PDB file of N, CA and C in Angstrom:
ATOM      1  N   UNK A   1     -60.350 161.002 -37.620  1.00  0.00           N
ATOM      2  CA  UNK A   1     -61.746 161.212 -37.997  1.00  0.00           C
ATOM      3  C   UNK A   1     -62.556 161.505 -36.736  1.00  0.00           C
ATOM      4  N   UNK A   2     -63.311 162.577 -36.755  1.00  0.00           N
ATOM      5  CA  UNK A   2     -64.122 162.927 -35.601  1.00  0.00           C
ATOM      6  C   UNK A   2     -65.472 162.232 -35.683  1.00  0.00           C
ATOM      7  N   UNK A   3     -66.097 162.115 -34.544  1.00  0.00           N
ATOM      8  CA  UNK A   3     -67.406 161.467 -34.494  1.00  0.00           C
ATOM      9  C   UNK A   3     -68.444 162.267 -35.273  1.00  0.00           C
ATOM     10  N   UNK A   4     -68.276 163.570 -35.312  1.00  0.00           N
ATOM     11  CA  UNK A   4     -69.229 164.413 -36.041  1.00  0.00           C
ATOM     12  C   UNK A   4     -69.297 164.062 -37.522  1.00  0.00           C
ATOM     13  N   UNK A   5     -68.178 163.642 -38.084  1.00  0.00           N
ATOM     14  CA  UNK A   5     -68.161 163.308 -39.508  1.00  0.00           C
ATOM     15  C   UNK A   5     -68.346 161.813 -39.760  1.00  0.00           C
ATOM     16  N   UNK A   6     -68.553 161.053 -38.701  1.00  0.00           N
ATOM     17  CA  UNK A   6     -68.731 159.605 -38.842  1.00  0.00           C
ATOM     18  C   UNK A   6     -70.113 159.292 -39.414  1.00  0.00           C
ATOM     19  N   UNK A   7     -70.244 158.087 -39.936  1.00  0.00           N
ATOM     20  CA  UNK A   7     -71.531 157.651 -40.479  1.00  0.00           C
ATOM     21  C   UNK A   7     -72.548 157.479 -39.348  1.00  0.00           C
ATOM     22  N   UNK A   8     -73.817 157.471 -39.720  1.00  0.00           N
ATOM     23  CA  UNK A   8     -74.881 157.335 -38.721  1.00  0.00           C
ATOM     24  C   UNK A   8     -74.747 156.047 -37.922  1.00  0.00           C
ATOM     25  N   UNK A   9     -74.349 154.945 -38.581  1.00  0.00           N
ATOM     26  CA  UNK A   9     -74.242 153.683 -37.845  1.00  0.00           C
ATOM     27  C   UNK A   9     -73.104 153.710 -36.828  1.00  0.00           C
ATOM     28  N   UNK A  10     -72.023 154.429 -37.124  1.00  0.00           N
ATOM     29  CA  UNK A  10     -70.937 154.577 -36.151  1.00  0.00           C
ATOM     30  C   UNK A  10     -71.410 155.414 -34.971  1.00  0.00           C
ATOM     31  N   UNK A  11     -72.106 156.503 -35.254  1.00  0.00           N
ATOM     32  CA  UNK A  11     -72.626 157.354 -34.177  1.00  0.00           C
ATOM     33  C   UNK A  11     -73.572 156.570 -33.276  1.00  0.00           C
ATOM     34  N   UNK A  12     -74.458 155.788 -33.877  1.00  0.00           N
ATOM     35  CA  UNK A  12     -75.394 154.984 -33.093  1.00  0.00           C
ATOM     36  C   UNK A  12     -74.650 153.937 -32.280  1.00  0.00           C
ATOM     37  N   UNK A  13     -73.662 153.292 -32.883  1.00  0.00           N
ATOM     38  CA  UNK A  13     -72.882 152.283 -32.164  1.00  0.00           C
ATOM     39  C   UNK A  13     -72.180 152.887 -30.956  1.00  0.00           C
ATOM     40  N   UNK A  14     -71.593 154.051 -31.120  1.00  0.00           N
ATOM     41  CA  UNK A  14     -70.915 154.719 -30.010  1.00  0.00           C
ATOM     42  C   UNK A  14     -71.915 155.050 -28.907  1.00  0.00           C
ATOM     43  N   UNK A  15     -73.078 155.569 -29.277  1.00  0.00           N
ATOM     44  CA  UNK A  15     -74.114 155.883 -28.285  1.00  0.00           C
ATOM     45  C   UNK A  15     -74.549 154.633 -27.533  1.00  0.00           C
ATOM     46  N   UNK A  16     -74.754 153.544 -28.259  1.00  0.00           N
ATOM     47  CA  UNK A  16     -75.182 152.293 -27.622  1.00  0.00           C
ATOM     48  C   UNK A  16     -74.106 151.744 -26.691  1.00  0.00           C
ATOM     49  N   UNK A  17     -72.857 151.786 -27.132  1.00  0.00           N
ATOM     50  CA  UNK A  17     -71.759 151.313 -26.283  1.00  0.00           C
ATOM     51  C   UNK A  17     -71.701 152.123 -24.996  1.00  0.00           C
ATOM     52  N   UNK A  18     -71.810 153.431 -25.105  1.00  0.00           N
ATOM     53  CA  UNK A  18     -71.773 154.283 -23.914  1.00  0.00           C
ATOM     54  C   UNK A  18     -72.935 153.964 -22.980  1.00  0.00           C
ATOM     55  N   UNK A  19     -74.124 153.805 -23.531  1.00  0.00           N
ATOM     56  CA  UNK A  19     -75.302 153.484 -22.724  1.00  0.00           C
ATOM     57  C   UNK A  19     -75.128 152.148 -22.016  1.00  0.00           C
ATOM     58  N   UNK A  20     -74.665 151.155 -22.740  1.00  0.00           N
ATOM     59  CA  UNK A  20     -74.503 149.821 -22.158  1.00  0.00           C
ATOM     60  C   UNK A  20     -73.403 149.793 -21.106  1.00  0.00           C
ATOM     61  N   UNK A  21     -72.324 150.512 -21.330  1.00  0.00           N
ATOM     62  CA  UNK A  21     -71.253 150.561 -20.337  1.00  0.00           C
ATOM     63  C   UNK A  21     -71.704 151.266 -19.067  1.00  0.00           C
ATOM     64  N   UNK A  22     -72.545 152.276 -19.194  1.00  0.00           N
ATOM     65  CA  UNK A  22     -73.045 153.001 -18.026  1.00  0.00           C
ATOM     66  C   UNK A  22     -74.044 152.181 -17.224  1.00  0.00           C
ATOM     67  N   UNK A  23     -74.726 151.255 -17.881  1.00  0.00           N
ATOM     68  CA  UNK A  23     -75.766 150.483 -17.192  1.00  0.00           C
ATOM     69  C   UNK A  23     -75.199 149.311 -16.407  1.00  0.00           C
ATOM     70  N   UNK A  24     -73.906 149.031 -16.552  1.00  0.00           N
ATOM     71  CA  UNK A  24     -73.226 147.993 -15.776  1.00  0.00           C
ATOM     72  C   UNK A  24     -73.946 146.645 -15.861  1.00  0.00           C
ATOM     73  N   UNK A  25     -74.221 146.214 -17.078  1.00  0.00           N
ATOM     74  CA  UNK A  25     -74.888 144.941 -17.329  1.00  0.00           C
ATOM     75  C   UNK A  25     -73.833 143.937 -17.780  1.00  0.00           C
ATOM     76  N   UNK A  26     -74.014 142.690 -17.404  1.00  0.00           N
ATOM     77  CA  UNK A  26     -73.066 141.640 -17.780  1.00  0.00           C
ATOM     78  C   UNK A  26     -72.980 141.521 -19.303  1.00  0.00           C
ATOM     79  N   UNK A  27     -71.793 141.285 -19.825  1.00  0.00           N
ATOM     80  CA  UNK A  27     -71.630 141.162 -21.278  1.00  0.00           C
ATOM     81  C   UNK A  27     -72.543 140.111 -21.898  1.00  0.00           C
ATOM     82  N   UNK A  28     -72.771 139.011 -21.207  1.00  0.00           N
ATOM     83  CA  UNK A  28     -73.645 137.963 -21.735  1.00  0.00           C
ATOM     84  C   UNK A  28     -75.071 138.479 -21.911  1.00  0.00           C
ATOM     85  N   UNK A  29     -75.524 139.276 -20.970  1.00  0.00           N
ATOM     86  CA  UNK A  29     -76.866 139.848 -21.034  1.00  0.00           C
ATOM     87  C   UNK A  29     -76.961 140.842 -22.184  1.00  0.00           C
ATOM     88  N   UNK A  30     -75.935 141.658 -22.336  1.00  0.00           N
ATOM     89  CA  UNK A  30     -75.907 142.636 -23.427  1.00  0.00           C
ATOM     90  C   UNK A  30     -75.966 141.926 -24.773  1.00  0.00           C
ATOM     91  N   UNK A  31     -75.153 140.892 -24.942  1.00  0.00           N
ATOM     92  CA  UNK A  31     -75.127 140.179 -26.219  1.00  0.00           C
ATOM     93  C   UNK A  31     -76.457 139.494 -26.505  1.00  0.00           C
ATOM     94  N   UNK A  32     -77.087 138.931 -25.484  1.00  0.00           N
ATOM     95  CA  UNK A  32     -78.394 138.296 -25.678  1.00  0.00           C
ATOM     96  C   UNK A  32     -79.440 139.339 -26.066  1.00  0.00           C
ATOM     97  N   UNK A  33     -79.411 140.485 -25.412  1.00  0.00           N
ATOM     98  CA  UNK A  33     -80.363 141.549 -25.729  1.00  0.00           C
ATOM     99  C   UNK A  33     -80.133 142.087 -27.139  1.00  0.00           C
ATOM    100  N   UNK A  34     -78.878 142.247 -27.520  1.00  0.00           N
ATOM    101  CA  UNK A  34     -78.578 142.734 -28.868  1.00  0.00           C
ATOM    102  C   UNK A  34     -79.043 141.748 -29.934  1.00  0.00           C
ATOM    103  N   UNK A  35     -78.980 140.468 -29.643  1.00  0.00           N
ATOM    104  CA  UNK A  35     -79.469 139.468 -30.596  1.00  0.00           C
ATOM    105  C   UNK A  35     -80.984 139.583 -30.759  1.00  0.00           C
ATOM    106  N   UNK A  36     -81.694 139.854 -29.679  1.00  0.00           N
ATOM    107  CA  UNK A  36     -83.145 140.066 -29.753  1.00  0.00           C
ATOM    108  C   UNK A  36     -83.445 141.295 -30.605  1.00  0.00           C
ATOM    109  N   UNK A  37     -82.715 142.367 -30.368  1.00  0.00           N
ATOM    110  CA  UNK A  37     -82.898 143.597 -31.144  1.00  0.00           C
ATOM    111  C   UNK A  37     -82.589 143.340 -32.618  1.00  0.00           C
ATOM    112  N   UNK A  38     -81.533 142.607 -32.882  1.00  0.00           N
ATOM    113  CA  UNK A  38     -81.162 142.292 -34.270  1.00  0.00           C
ATOM    114  C   UNK A  38     -82.278 141.541 -34.975  1.00  0.00           C
ATOM    115  N   UNK A  39     -82.814 140.512 -34.326  1.00  0.00           N
ATOM    116  CA  UNK A  39     -83.906 139.750 -34.946  1.00  0.00           C
ATOM    117  C   UNK A  39     -85.118 140.631 -35.189  1.00  0.00           C
ATOM    118  N   UNK A  40     -85.435 141.502 -34.241  1.00  0.00           N
ATOM    119  CA  UNK A  40     -86.579 142.400 -34.385  1.00  0.00           C
ATOM    120  C   UNK A  40     -86.399 143.316 -35.599  1.00  0.00           C
ATOM    121  N   UNK A  41     -85.216 143.898 -35.737  1.00  0.00           N
ATOM    122  CA  UNK A  41     -84.983 144.810 -36.857  1.00  0.00           C
ATOM    123  C   UNK A  41     -84.882 144.079 -38.186  1.00  0.00           C
ATOM    124  N   UNK A  42     -84.393 142.852 -38.166  1.00  0.00           N
ATOM    125  CA  UNK A  42     -84.391 142.060 -39.399  1.00  0.00           C
ATOM    126  C   UNK A  42     -85.825 141.756 -39.837  1.00  0.00           C
ATOM    127  N   UNK A  43     -86.698 141.455 -38.875  1.00  0.00           N
ATOM    128  CA  UNK A  43     -88.112 141.233 -39.201  1.00  0.00           C
ATOM    129  C   UNK A  43     -88.750 142.497 -39.762  1.00  0.00           C
ATOM    130  N   UNK A  44     -88.465 143.636 -39.157  1.00  0.00           N
ATOM    131  CA  UNK A  44     -89.000 144.904 -39.659  1.00  0.00           C
ATOM    132  C   UNK A  44     -88.506 145.175 -41.074  1.00  0.00           C
ATOM    133  N   UNK A  45     -87.250 144.872 -41.324  1.00  0.00           N
ATOM    134  CA  UNK A  45     -86.678 145.082 -42.654  1.00  0.00           C
ATOM    135  C   UNK A  45     -87.356 144.176 -43.683  1.00  0.00           C
ATOM    136  N   UNK A  46     -87.606 142.918 -43.306  1.00  0.00           N
ATOM    137  CA  UNK A  46     -88.293 141.987 -44.215  1.00  0.00           C
ATOM    138  C   UNK A  46     -89.707 142.461 -44.521  1.00  0.00           C
ATOM    139  N   UNK A  47     -90.415 142.912 -43.496  1.00  0.00           N
ATOM    140  CA  UNK A  47     -91.783 143.395 -43.694  1.00  0.00           C
ATOM    141  C   UNK A  47     -91.798 144.623 -44.599  1.00  0.00           C
ATOM    142  N   UNK A  48     -90.851 145.511 -44.412  1.00  0.00           N
ATOM    143  CA  UNK A  48     -90.775 146.714 -45.236  1.00  0.00           C
ATOM    144  C   UNK A  48     -90.468 146.351 -46.686  1.00  0.00           C
ATOM    145  N   UNK A  49     -89.602 145.372 -46.893  1.00  0.00           N
ATOM    146  CA  UNK A  49     -89.245 144.956 -48.253  1.00  0.00           C
ATOM    147  C   UNK A  49     -90.409 144.246 -48.941  1.00  0.00           C
ATOM    148  N   UNK A  50     -91.257 143.593 -48.156  1.00  0.00           N
ATOM    149  CA  UNK A  50     -92.384 142.851 -48.723  1.00  0.00           C
ATOM    150  C   UNK A  50     -93.544 143.762 -49.109  1.00  0.00           C
ATOM    151  N   UNK A  51     -93.567 144.955 -48.565  1.00  0.00           N
ATOM    152  CA  UNK A  51     -94.698 145.855 -48.862  1.00  0.00           C
ATOM    153  C   UNK A  51     -94.394 146.834 -49.965  1.00  0.00           C
TER     154      UNK A  51
END
């Protein structure tokens, strides 16, 4: 399966992995930052569902 035919979430995940690997950040920092992003998007999703 090529990336071109992959789902949007796979494409985004690949882009994020490449960006994070290029930035040479410690895995612990990456995971902490991703948890912040996750909470932010979960809040946005809740707000969108409530409106």
